Amino acid sequence: MQAFIALYGFLDLVLRAYLLATQAIIMGGVAFLTLVLSPLDGKLDAEESPIARRCLRILFWSCCASVLGEIVAVVVLTAMLVGTLQVDLAVAASADAVVSHFIAMILSGALALYARLDVGAFFKWRAGAVALALLLACAHVGVTHAASRPVASALLVTTEIVHVLAAAIWIGGIPFLLVALGMTKSGEARRLIASKFSRNAMWSVGALIAAGLLMMTRHFSDLSALYETNYGMLVSTKIVLLFGLLCFAAANLSTTRKLWRASSIPIRRLLRFSEVEVGLGLVTLFCAAALASASLPTDGGAERTSLSEITARFAPRWPSFHSPAYAELSAAQAASSVAEPGTPSPPSAADIAWAEMNHHLAGVFVVLMGFFALLERHRPTAPAVRHWPLLFLMLGGILVIRADETAWPLGPIGFFESLRDPQIVQHKVIVVLIATFAIFEITTGAAAAFLLTHYGHTEGKDEVLVAISHTPIALLGVVSASARWLEIRLSDTPAGRIGGYVWPIAFILSGLLLLLYREE
């Protein structure tokens, strides 16, 4: 049970992100069917019914995925409450958060039954689906900061619901837009679908930003909290990701307007940009899941760093490639005292040098990979250049050995025992994703999402400083993944060629930031 409790924070983050994603697709699907396809009833001719059936199928499986996730969330949360509070199962199961998950499970199941209706019946009874989707948004808000306050604010709860619905209608609706446009052959039908969705998305973006600003005024006592606290860093990251989403949305809006003037224009770029929007949206949802577990700046539950401390930490300094001997590390000197993984202890000078060496060594590999990837565009026939992704396997191997000095293969903690520590688990997940990049480069986006939420477990100021140093690297990873996707999907277009230069440059910049990394 103690191992489970130690790992609960990481499991909670993953479950929150998973449920946010599935429920965003559910609400986005209901909105797409109700606000886009239903008003076009009779205007899409023979293409309308197959599109709606495909959308209902996606909605059904999303509901099933949500039901499964809610069941796991109920079991995990109940077990955690029983283990930590030493209460009866009935008492734990009656906790507000558990009840919210249970209600969301029932609502997702009911929407799954709705999705099994034929197209005509769904459109006829769509008001019921809309009501269930609204209730699902309310159930989700039951596990957020807005509803978990000692005295819940009706304004904050309402604002949170609007925020969730707006994000779902926009981001959660894009997969359905991709399906509809991909199945549509008629230029006129494409114009109707794209313009209808675009109009709804613009209203959603406006509501999303307005709700976000209102919540910021309630959760932040001053703007400095945006970089002095872990919660603020996550909000700042969401703002940057939102800016990226808006850039792609603006490009797609331009294409939609051209489509309205001439329905025969190609929509390939619109589809590929929408795919990138989905990826960015998923990373943003991952940040939103982490926000739900972070202490609010107004609560005073977390330490705050200061601008002077940030400036001192990030003053430029030459990288160091000196690695202390393993025997000098705290893990080696106090092996017998390491009873529980994840128990915080002040790092020694050797520990800090070891961690900095890891980052600096990784920086060398990342800079080399970016450089070779750029060189490949000019000399694609050079064998050494062409196989640059193999450097990821080497980097992954080094990190397996050095990333967690307290755990196997160097430390006294065995491999399976180390999996009780959420930070070690995240290290291992990131290593696997890095190694996988040698085969499929887009996994760097998933690694970046984990890196964005990797720190902040202790809510201490040192965690905030580490998060500030890792966040730009993670964001550059998101840029790399997005640009690489465009290069692959739009290889013969200007956007694809630009992406082919952007992502290696982002890699090089990430490597340079790793070379400048400091822990004191």
Protein backbone atom coordinates (compact mmCIF):
# COMPACT_ATOMS: atom_id res chain seq x y z
CA MET A 1 0.00 0.00 0.00
CA GLN A 2 2.85 2.40 0.80
CA ALA A 3 4.30 1.85 -2.67
CA PHE A 4 0.91 2.57 -4.21
CA ILE A 5 0.49 5.78 -2.18
CA ALA A 6 3.98 6.95 -3.23
CA LEU A 7 3.07 6.43 -6.88
CA TYR A 8 -0.45 7.87 -6.59
CA GLY A 9 0.52 11.41 -7.65
CA PHE A 10 1.86 10.18 -10.98
CA LEU A 11 -1.12 7.88 -11.56
CA ASP A 12 -3.50 10.73 -10.74
CA LEU A 13 -1.78 12.98 -13.29
CA VAL A 14 -1.96 10.38 -16.05
CA LEU A 15 -5.60 9.55 -15.26
CA ARG A 16 -6.61 13.21 -15.19
CA ALA A 17 -4.95 13.83 -18.55
CA TYR A 18 -6.55 10.70 -20.03
CA LEU A 19 -10.02 11.64 -18.79
CA LEU A 20 -9.63 15.24 -19.93
CA ALA A 21 -8.73 14.04 -23.42
CA THR A 22 -11.53 11.46 -23.74
CA GLN A 23 -14.17 13.77 -22.30
CA ALA A 24 -13.04 16.67 -24.48
CA ILE A 25 -13.56 14.43 -27.51
CA ILE A 26 -16.98 13.36 -26.18
CA MET A 27 -18.18 16.93 -25.62
CA GLY A 28 -16.54 18.08 -28.85
CA GLY A 29 -18.25 15.26 -30.74
CA VAL A 30 -21.68 16.09 -29.36
CA ALA A 31 -21.09 19.75 -30.24
CA PHE A 32 -19.91 18.88 -33.75
CA LEU A 33 -22.90 16.66 -34.44
CA THR A 34 -25.32 19.20 -32.94
CA LEU A 35 -23.86 22.52 -34.10
CA VAL A 36 -22.23 21.53 -37.40
CA LEU A 37 -23.84 18.47 -38.95
CA SER A 38 -27.38 18.87 -37.65
CA PRO A 39 -27.89 22.40 -39.12
CA LEU A 40 -26.63 21.04 -42.45
CA ASP A 41 -29.27 18.31 -42.47
CA GLY A 42 -30.38 17.85 -46.07
CA LYS A 43 -27.59 20.05 -47.52
CA LEU A 44 -24.86 17.41 -47.83
CA ASP A 45 -26.84 15.01 -50.00
CA ALA A 46 -25.63 11.39 -49.90
CA GLU A 47 -22.44 12.23 -47.98
CA GLU A 48 -24.21 13.38 -44.84
CA SER A 49 -25.29 10.04 -43.39
CA PRO A 50 -21.90 8.23 -43.68
CA ILE A 51 -20.13 11.21 -42.07
CA ALA A 52 -22.58 11.31 -39.16
CA ARG A 53 -22.33 7.54 -38.70
CA ARG A 54 -18.54 7.73 -38.54
CA CYS A 55 -18.73 10.57 -36.03
CA LEU A 56 -21.17 8.60 -33.88
CA ARG A 57 -18.79 5.64 -33.95
CA ILE A 58 -15.91 7.82 -32.72
CA LEU A 59 -18.21 9.26 -30.05
CA PHE A 60 -19.20 5.77 -28.91
CA TRP A 61 -15.63 4.52 -28.49
CA SER A 62 -14.62 7.76 -26.77
CA CYS A 63 -17.46 7.23 -24.28
CA CYS A 64 -16.30 3.66 -23.69
CA ALA A 65 -12.75 4.88 -23.09
CA SER A 66 -14.06 7.47 -20.65
CA VAL A 67 -16.12 4.88 -18.75
CA LEU A 68 -13.05 2.67 -18.42
CA GLY A 69 -10.93 5.60 -17.21
CA GLU A 70 -13.55 6.65 -14.67
CA ILE A 71 -13.75 3.12 -13.26
CA VAL A 72 -9.97 3.09 -12.80
CA ALA A 73 -10.07 6.60 -11.26
CA VAL A 74 -12.77 5.54 -8.77
CA VAL A 75 -10.81 2.44 -7.74
CA VAL A 76 -7.47 4.27 -7.49
CA LEU A 77 -8.83 7.26 -5.56
CA THR A 78 -10.85 5.10 -3.18
CA ALA A 79 -7.82 2.91 -2.47
CA MET A 80 -5.69 5.98 -1.81
CA LEU A 81 -8.23 7.44 0.64
CA VAL A 82 -8.54 4.13 2.49
CA GLY A 83 -4.77 3.77 2.69
CA THR A 84 -3.95 7.33 3.78
CA LEU A 85 -6.93 8.27 5.95
CA GLN A 86 -7.57 4.79 7.39
CA VAL A 87 -11.31 5.08 6.75
CA ASP A 88 -13.89 2.50 5.77
CA LEU A 89 -14.47 1.73 2.12
CA ALA A 90 -17.98 3.23 2.29
CA VAL A 91 -16.65 6.50 3.71
CA ALA A 92 -13.92 6.73 1.06
CA ALA A 93 -16.42 5.95 -1.71
CA SER A 94 -18.64 8.83 -0.53
CA ALA A 95 -15.90 11.47 -0.96
CA ASP A 96 -16.88 14.29 -3.32
CA ALA A 97 -14.14 13.52 -5.85
CA VAL A 98 -15.06 9.83 -5.96
CA VAL A 99 -18.73 10.70 -6.43
CA SER A 100 -17.82 13.10 -9.25
CA HIS A 101 -15.90 10.34 -11.03
CA PHE A 102 -18.79 7.93 -10.53
CA ILE A 103 -21.30 10.43 -11.95
CA ALA A 104 -19.01 11.08 -14.93
CA MET A 105 -18.85 7.32 -15.53
CA ILE A 106 -22.67 7.08 -15.63
CA LEU A 107 -22.96 10.09 -17.94
CA SER A 108 -20.32 8.71 -20.30
CA GLY A 109 -22.16 5.39 -20.37
CA ALA A 110 -25.45 7.14 -21.15
CA LEU A 111 -23.80 9.07 -24.00
CA ALA A 112 -22.39 5.79 -25.31
CA LEU A 113 -25.96 4.50 -25.59
CA TYR A 114 -26.93 7.72 -27.39
CA ALA A 115 -24.09 7.16 -29.86
CA ARG A 116 -25.54 3.76 -30.77
CA LEU A 117 -28.68 5.41 -32.17
CA ASP A 118 -29.04 5.77 -35.91
CA VAL A 119 -28.32 9.18 -37.40
CA GLY A 120 -31.93 10.28 -37.71
CA ALA A 121 -32.79 9.32 -34.13
CA PHE A 122 -29.70 11.07 -32.75
CA PHE A 123 -30.52 14.31 -34.54
CA LYS A 124 -34.13 14.05 -33.37
CA TRP A 125 -33.13 13.53 -29.72
CA ARG A 126 -29.94 15.60 -29.80
CA ALA A 127 -31.15 17.84 -26.96
CA GLY A 128 -30.74 14.91 -24.59
CA ALA A 129 -27.15 14.33 -25.75
CA VAL A 130 -26.39 18.04 -25.25
CA ALA A 131 -27.81 17.90 -21.71
CA LEU A 132 -25.70 14.84 -20.87
CA ALA A 133 -22.58 16.53 -22.27
CA LEU A 134 -23.25 19.63 -20.15
CA LEU A 135 -23.68 17.46 -17.06
CA LEU A 136 -20.42 15.67 -17.93
CA ALA A 137 -18.63 19.03 -17.92
CA CYS A 138 -20.15 19.80 -14.52
CA ALA A 139 -19.03 16.41 -13.17
CA HIS A 140 -15.48 17.08 -14.38
CA VAL A 141 -15.43 20.44 -12.62
CA GLY A 142 -16.24 18.54 -9.42
CA VAL A 143 -12.59 17.41 -9.23
CA THR A 144 -11.02 20.81 -9.98
CA HIS A 145 -9.89 23.69 -7.76
CA ALA A 146 -13.12 25.60 -8.46
CA ALA A 147 -15.31 23.04 -6.67
CA SER A 148 -12.80 21.84 -4.07
CA ARG A 149 -12.52 25.17 -2.24
CA PRO A 150 -13.67 25.24 1.42
CA VAL A 151 -16.44 27.57 0.23
CA ALA A 152 -17.10 26.98 -3.45
CA SER A 153 -17.67 30.10 -5.53
CA ALA A 154 -20.60 29.88 -7.93
CA LEU A 155 -18.82 32.30 -10.26
CA LEU A 156 -15.63 30.22 -10.33
CA VAL A 157 -17.52 26.96 -10.83
CA THR A 158 -19.51 28.46 -13.71
CA THR A 159 -16.37 29.94 -15.23
CA GLU A 160 -14.60 26.57 -15.02
CA ILE A 161 -17.53 24.87 -16.76
CA VAL A 162 -17.43 27.45 -19.55
CA HIS A 163 -13.66 26.99 -19.82
CA VAL A 164 -13.99 23.20 -20.12
CA LEU A 165 -16.84 23.36 -22.64
CA ALA A 166 -15.09 25.97 -24.81
CA ALA A 167 -11.90 23.89 -24.95
CA ALA A 168 -13.90 20.75 -25.78
CA ILE A 169 -15.95 22.37 -28.57
CA TRP A 170 -12.75 23.67 -30.18
CA ILE A 171 -10.04 21.05 -29.56
CA GLY A 172 -12.34 18.08 -29.01
CA GLY A 173 -14.25 18.87 -32.18
CA ILE A 174 -11.20 18.89 -34.47
CA PRO A 175 -10.97 15.06 -34.83
CA PHE A 176 -14.57 15.05 -36.05
CA LEU A 177 -13.79 17.91 -38.44
CA LEU A 178 -10.88 15.89 -39.87
CA VAL A 179 -13.14 12.87 -40.36
CA ALA A 180 -15.90 14.93 -42.00
CA LEU A 181 -13.60 16.78 -44.38
CA GLY A 182 -11.69 13.60 -45.20
CA MET A 183 -14.91 11.82 -46.20
CA THR A 184 -16.33 14.74 -48.16
CA LYS A 185 -15.64 14.94 -51.90
CA SER A 186 -17.84 17.90 -52.74
CA GLY A 187 -16.23 21.33 -52.51
CA GLU A 188 -19.56 22.85 -51.52
CA ALA A 189 -19.97 20.38 -48.65
CA ARG A 190 -16.43 21.07 -47.45
CA ARG A 191 -17.13 24.78 -47.48
CA LEU A 192 -20.28 24.36 -45.40
CA ILE A 193 -18.65 22.06 -42.83
CA ALA A 194 -15.43 24.08 -42.47
CA SER A 195 -17.18 27.43 -42.20
CA LYS A 196 -19.72 26.15 -39.67
CA PHE A 197 -17.02 24.62 -37.46
CA SER A 198 -14.82 27.71 -37.82
CA ARG A 199 -17.61 29.97 -36.58
CA ASN A 200 -18.22 27.76 -33.54
CA ALA A 201 -14.49 27.53 -32.85
CA MET A 202 -14.09 31.32 -32.86
CA TRP A 203 -16.84 31.71 -30.26
CA SER A 204 -15.21 28.94 -28.22
CA VAL A 205 -11.79 30.59 -28.34
CA GLY A 206 -13.31 33.85 -27.12
CA ALA A 207 -15.08 32.11 -24.24
CA LEU A 208 -11.97 30.08 -23.41
CA ILE A 209 -9.77 33.17 -23.13
CA ALA A 210 -12.35 35.18 -21.19
CA ALA A 211 -12.92 32.34 -18.70
CA GLY A 212 -9.18 31.80 -18.33
CA LEU A 213 -8.53 35.47 -17.59
CA LEU A 214 -11.32 35.54 -15.01
CA MET A 215 -9.91 32.49 -13.23
CA MET A 216 -6.45 34.05 -13.24
CA THR A 217 -7.77 37.11 -11.43
CA ARG A 218 -9.13 34.82 -8.71
CA HIS A 219 -6.19 32.41 -8.46
CA PHE A 220 -3.31 34.91 -8.68
CA SER A 221 -2.67 37.69 -6.20
CA ASP A 222 -0.08 39.24 -8.54
CA LEU A 223 1.42 38.54 -11.97
CA SER A 224 4.78 37.56 -10.49
CA ALA A 225 3.15 34.29 -9.40
CA LEU A 226 3.20 33.28 -13.07
CA TYR A 227 6.90 32.52 -12.75
CA GLU A 228 7.43 32.28 -8.98
CA THR A 229 5.20 29.23 -8.36
CA ASN A 230 4.72 25.81 -9.89
CA TYR A 231 1.05 26.57 -10.60
CA GLY A 232 2.03 29.81 -12.30
CA MET A 233 4.63 28.05 -14.46
CA LEU A 234 2.00 25.59 -15.67
CA VAL A 235 -0.41 28.43 -16.45
CA SER A 236 2.36 30.29 -18.31
CA THR A 237 3.04 27.12 -20.30
CA LYS A 238 -0.65 26.82 -21.16
CA ILE A 239 -0.62 30.42 -22.39
CA VAL A 240 2.35 29.71 -24.69
CA LEU A 241 0.68 26.55 -26.02
CA LEU A 242 -2.56 28.48 -26.55
CA PHE A 243 -0.64 31.03 -28.60
CA GLY A 244 0.68 28.21 -30.79
CA LEU A 245 -2.82 26.80 -31.18
CA LEU A 246 -4.15 30.21 -32.17
CA CYS A 247 -1.44 30.58 -34.84
CA PHE A 248 -2.51 27.34 -36.52
CA ALA A 249 -6.18 28.21 -36.03
CA ALA A 250 -5.63 31.59 -37.71
CA ALA A 251 -3.95 29.88 -40.68
CA ASN A 252 -6.89 27.48 -40.96
CA LEU A 253 -9.35 30.37 -40.71
CA SER A 254 -7.60 31.98 -43.67
CA THR A 255 -8.00 28.76 -45.66
CA THR A 256 -11.67 28.53 -44.67
CA ARG A 257 -12.33 32.05 -45.93
CA LYS A 258 -10.66 31.21 -49.23
CA LEU A 259 -12.76 28.05 -49.38
CA TRP A 260 -15.88 30.16 -48.99
CA ARG A 261 -14.88 32.28 -51.98
CA ALA A 262 -13.82 29.31 -54.12
CA SER A 263 -14.98 25.87 -52.98
CA SER A 264 -12.54 24.10 -55.31
CA ILE A 265 -9.36 25.15 -53.50
CA PRO A 266 -7.36 22.30 -51.87
CA ILE A 267 -7.73 21.77 -48.13
CA ARG A 268 -4.69 19.58 -47.53
CA ARG A 269 -2.88 22.25 -45.51
CA LEU A 270 -6.00 22.85 -43.40
CA LEU A 271 -6.19 19.13 -42.56
CA ARG A 272 -2.52 18.87 -41.61
CA PHE A 273 -2.57 22.04 -39.53
CA SER A 274 -5.65 20.68 -37.76
CA GLU A 275 -3.72 17.51 -36.94
CA VAL A 276 -1.03 19.65 -35.29
CA GLU A 277 -3.76 21.48 -33.37
CA VAL A 278 -4.92 18.15 -31.95
CA GLY A 279 -1.37 17.36 -30.79
CA LEU A 280 -0.90 20.77 -29.20
CA GLY A 281 -4.33 20.47 -27.60
CA LEU A 282 -3.40 17.14 -26.01
CA VAL A 283 -0.21 18.61 -24.54
CA THR A 284 -2.27 21.54 -23.21
CA LEU A 285 -4.70 19.11 -21.58
CA PHE A 286 -1.74 17.37 -19.95
CA CYS A 287 -0.75 20.72 -18.41
CA ALA A 288 -4.35 21.30 -17.32
CA ALA A 289 -4.32 17.91 -15.57
CA ALA A 290 -1.15 18.90 -13.70
CA LEU A 291 -2.75 22.20 -12.66
CA ALA A 292 -5.49 20.35 -10.81
CA SER A 293 -2.87 18.84 -8.48
CA ALA A 294 -0.82 22.02 -7.90
CA SER A 295 -1.39 24.40 -5.01
CA LEU A 296 -2.98 27.73 -5.89
CA PRO A 297 -0.73 30.78 -5.39
CA THR A 298 -3.46 32.43 -3.32
CA ASP A 299 -3.53 29.49 -0.88
CA GLY A 300 0.08 29.89 0.19
CA GLY A 301 0.58 26.12 0.14
CA ALA A 302 3.69 26.32 -2.00
CA GLU A 303 6.95 28.18 -1.63
CA ARG A 304 7.63 31.04 -4.01
CA THR A 305 10.92 31.81 -5.63
CA SER A 306 11.97 35.35 -6.51
CA LEU A 307 13.21 37.14 -9.59
CA SER A 308 16.66 37.58 -8.02
CA GLU A 309 16.89 33.83 -7.33
CA ILE A 310 15.82 33.06 -10.87
CA THR A 311 18.38 35.50 -12.30
CA ALA A 312 21.15 34.03 -10.14
CA ARG A 313 20.25 30.45 -11.11
CA PHE A 314 20.21 31.16 -14.84
CA ALA A 315 23.28 33.35 -15.14
CA PRO A 316 25.25 31.87 -18.11
CA ARG A 317 28.09 29.51 -17.17
CA TRP A 318 30.26 27.17 -19.20
CA PRO A 319 29.02 23.57 -19.09
CA SER A 320 30.92 21.09 -16.96
CA PHE A 321 31.72 17.58 -18.13
CA HIS A 322 33.33 16.50 -14.88
CA SER A 323 31.41 13.66 -13.28
CA PRO A 324 32.11 12.75 -9.66
CA ALA A 325 32.73 9.10 -8.84
CA TYR A 326 29.62 7.20 -7.85
CA ALA A 327 31.10 6.59 -4.39
CA GLU A 328 30.96 10.35 -3.73
CA LEU A 329 27.18 10.54 -4.21
CA SER A 330 24.71 10.63 -1.34
CA ALA A 331 23.08 7.48 -2.68
CA ALA A 332 26.31 5.53 -2.30
CA GLN A 333 27.29 7.00 1.04
CA ALA A 334 23.90 6.48 2.67
CA ALA A 335 22.64 3.40 0.86
CA SER A 336 21.46 1.76 4.04
CA SER A 337 19.25 4.75 4.89
CA VAL A 338 17.37 4.76 1.60
CA ALA A 339 14.29 2.95 2.83
CA GLU A 340 11.67 4.65 0.72
CA PRO A 341 12.27 5.93 -2.80
CA GLY A 342 11.33 9.53 -3.26
CA THR A 343 12.20 10.56 0.33
CA PRO A 344 13.59 14.10 -0.13
CA SER A 345 17.11 14.86 1.11
CA PRO A 346 19.35 17.88 0.51
CA PRO A 347 21.59 17.19 -2.50
CA SER A 348 25.32 17.28 -1.95
CA ALA A 349 27.81 19.07 -4.21
CA ALA A 350 28.58 15.71 -5.85
CA ASP A 351 24.86 15.05 -6.45
CA ILE A 352 24.50 18.44 -8.14
CA ALA A 353 27.59 17.89 -10.30
CA TRP A 354 26.27 14.45 -11.31
CA ALA A 355 22.87 15.87 -12.34
CA GLU A 356 24.43 18.77 -14.26
CA MET A 357 26.74 16.36 -16.06
CA ASN A 358 23.69 14.33 -17.17
CA HIS A 359 22.04 17.42 -18.67
CA HIS A 360 25.23 18.71 -20.31
CA LEU A 361 25.98 15.33 -21.86
CA ALA A 362 22.42 15.12 -23.17
CA GLY A 363 22.86 18.63 -24.58
CA VAL A 364 25.86 17.51 -26.64
CA PHE A 365 23.84 14.65 -28.16
CA VAL A 366 20.81 16.85 -28.89
CA VAL A 367 22.93 19.57 -30.54
CA LEU A 368 24.66 16.94 -32.69
CA MET A 369 21.33 15.42 -33.71
CA GLY A 370 19.93 18.79 -34.74
CA PHE A 371 23.11 19.63 -36.64
CA PHE A 372 23.16 16.29 -38.49
CA ALA A 373 19.43 16.59 -39.29
CA LEU A 374 20.09 19.99 -40.88
CA LEU A 375 23.08 18.61 -42.75
CA GLU A 376 20.94 15.75 -44.06
CA ARG A 377 18.76 18.22 -45.94
CA HIS A 378 21.79 19.34 -47.95
CA ARG A 379 23.69 16.03 -48.21
CA PRO A 380 21.03 13.31 -47.95
CA THR A 381 23.30 10.63 -49.43
CA ALA A 382 25.97 10.78 -46.70
CA PRO A 383 25.57 7.54 -44.65
CA ALA A 384 26.74 9.02 -41.34
CA VAL A 385 24.30 11.90 -41.66
CA ARG A 386 21.40 9.73 -42.77
CA HIS A 387 21.50 7.58 -39.62
CA TRP A 388 21.57 10.42 -37.08
CA PRO A 389 18.45 9.09 -35.20
CA LEU A 390 20.66 6.27 -33.83
CA LEU A 391 22.16 8.88 -31.52
CA PHE A 392 18.89 8.69 -29.61
CA LEU A 393 19.61 5.06 -28.75
CA MET A 394 23.01 6.06 -27.36
CA LEU A 395 21.47 8.91 -25.37
CA GLY A 396 18.77 6.59 -24.03
CA GLY A 397 21.39 4.07 -22.96
CA ILE A 398 23.40 6.71 -21.09
CA LEU A 399 20.30 8.01 -19.31
CA VAL A 400 19.24 4.51 -18.28
CA ILE A 401 22.53 4.24 -16.40
CA ARG A 402 22.92 7.77 -15.05
CA ALA A 403 19.47 9.37 -14.76
CA ASP A 404 18.59 7.92 -11.33
CA GLU A 405 21.71 7.27 -9.29
CA THR A 406 19.74 5.80 -6.36
CA ALA A 407 18.20 3.06 -8.52
CA TRP A 408 19.31 0.14 -10.67
CA PRO A 409 21.75 -0.30 -12.36
CA LEU A 410 24.03 1.90 -10.21
CA GLY A 411 22.07 2.47 -7.00
CA PRO A 412 21.00 0.15 -4.18
CA ILE A 413 17.29 0.28 -5.13
CA GLY A 414 16.20 -2.52 -7.47
CA PHE A 415 14.47 -1.88 -10.79
CA PHE A 416 10.97 -2.88 -9.71
CA GLU A 417 11.36 -1.30 -6.29
CA SER A 418 12.33 2.00 -7.94
CA LEU A 419 8.99 2.08 -9.76
CA ARG A 420 7.41 3.23 -6.49
CA ASP A 421 8.99 6.65 -7.02
CA PRO A 422 6.92 8.76 -9.48
CA GLN A 423 9.91 10.86 -10.49
CA ILE A 424 11.96 7.77 -11.37
CA VAL A 425 8.96 6.35 -13.26
CA GLN A 426 8.71 9.54 -15.31
CA HIS A 427 12.46 9.40 -16.00
CA LYS A 428 12.08 5.88 -17.35
CA VAL A 429 9.05 6.84 -19.48
CA ILE A 430 10.99 9.75 -20.96
CA VAL A 431 13.98 7.48 -21.67
CA VAL A 432 11.73 5.01 -23.49
CA LEU A 433 10.21 7.83 -25.55
CA ILE A 434 13.69 9.17 -26.37
CA ALA A 435 14.82 5.74 -27.56
CA THR A 436 11.60 5.32 -29.56
CA PHE A 437 12.36 8.58 -31.35
CA ALA A 438 15.05 6.68 -33.27
CA ILE A 439 12.19 4.82 -34.96
CA PHE A 440 9.34 7.34 -34.92
CA GLU A 441 10.36 10.93 -34.30
CA ILE A 442 6.97 12.30 -33.25
CA THR A 443 7.25 10.66 -29.83
CA THR A 444 9.31 13.68 -28.81
CA GLY A 445 5.97 15.47 -28.34
CA ALA A 446 4.93 12.91 -25.72
CA ALA A 447 8.31 13.21 -24.02
CA ALA A 448 7.89 16.99 -23.96
CA ALA A 449 4.45 16.65 -22.35
CA PHE A 450 5.93 14.53 -19.54
CA LEU A 451 8.82 16.97 -19.16
CA LEU A 452 6.41 19.89 -18.74
CA THR A 453 4.83 18.22 -15.71
CA HIS A 454 7.86 16.31 -14.45
CA TYR A 455 8.62 18.60 -11.51
CA GLY A 456 6.52 20.33 -8.87
CA HIS A 457 5.98 17.29 -6.63
CA THR A 458 7.23 19.01 -3.47
CA GLU A 459 5.94 22.55 -4.22
CA GLY A 460 9.35 23.87 -3.06
CA LYS A 461 11.16 26.81 -4.62
CA ASP A 462 13.95 24.54 -5.91
CA GLU A 463 11.30 22.60 -7.84
CA VAL A 464 10.07 25.86 -9.38
CA LEU A 465 13.59 26.79 -10.45
CA VAL A 466 14.10 23.38 -12.04
CA ALA A 467 10.71 23.66 -13.75
CA ILE A 468 11.66 27.07 -15.17
CA SER A 469 14.79 25.55 -16.70
CA HIS A 470 12.97 22.51 -18.12
CA THR A 471 9.88 24.27 -19.48
CA PRO A 472 11.62 26.03 -22.43
CA ILE A 473 13.27 22.72 -23.36
CA ALA A 474 9.90 20.95 -23.27
CA LEU A 475 8.24 23.69 -25.33
CA LEU A 476 11.01 23.42 -27.91
CA GLY A 477 10.26 19.68 -27.95
CA VAL A 478 6.64 20.48 -28.78
CA VAL A 479 7.83 22.80 -31.57
CA SER A 480 10.11 20.03 -32.87
CA ALA A 481 7.31 17.46 -32.91
CA SER A 482 4.88 19.83 -34.64
CA ALA A 483 7.39 20.92 -37.28
CA ARG A 484 8.51 17.35 -37.92
CA TRP A 485 4.87 16.28 -38.38
CA LEU A 486 4.36 19.02 -40.94
CA GLU A 487 7.56 18.05 -42.74
CA ILE A 488 6.30 14.47 -43.05
CA ARG A 489 2.69 15.29 -43.91
CA LEU A 490 3.37 18.30 -46.16
CA SER A 491 6.76 17.32 -47.55
CA ASP A 492 6.15 18.80 -51.00
CA THR A 493 4.78 22.15 -49.81
CA PRO A 494 6.38 25.34 -48.43
CA ALA A 495 4.97 24.59 -44.96
CA GLY A 496 6.61 21.17 -44.98
CA ARG A 497 9.95 22.54 -46.16
CA ILE A 498 9.88 25.23 -43.48
CA GLY A 499 9.07 22.56 -40.89
CA GLY A 500 12.10 20.59 -42.10
CA TYR A 501 14.32 23.48 -41.00
CA VAL A 502 12.39 24.51 -37.89
CA TRP A 503 12.54 21.24 -35.98
CA PRO A 504 16.34 20.68 -36.23
CA ILE A 505 16.90 24.29 -35.16
CA ALA A 506 14.56 23.71 -32.21
CA PHE A 507 16.63 20.63 -31.37
CA ILE A 508 19.83 22.64 -31.40
CA LEU A 509 18.31 25.31 -29.17
CA SER A 510 17.13 22.60 -26.76
CA GLY A 511 20.64 21.19 -26.67
CA LEU A 512 22.13 24.59 -25.95
CA LEU A 513 19.71 25.08 -23.05
CA LEU A 514 20.75 21.69 -21.70
CA LEU A 515 24.40 22.72 -21.94
CA LEU A 516 23.62 25.81 -19.83
CA TYR A 517 21.61 23.85 -17.25
CA ARG A 518 22.44 24.45 -13.58
CA GLU A 519 21.09 23.13 -10.29
CA GLU A 520 22.58 25.75 -7.96
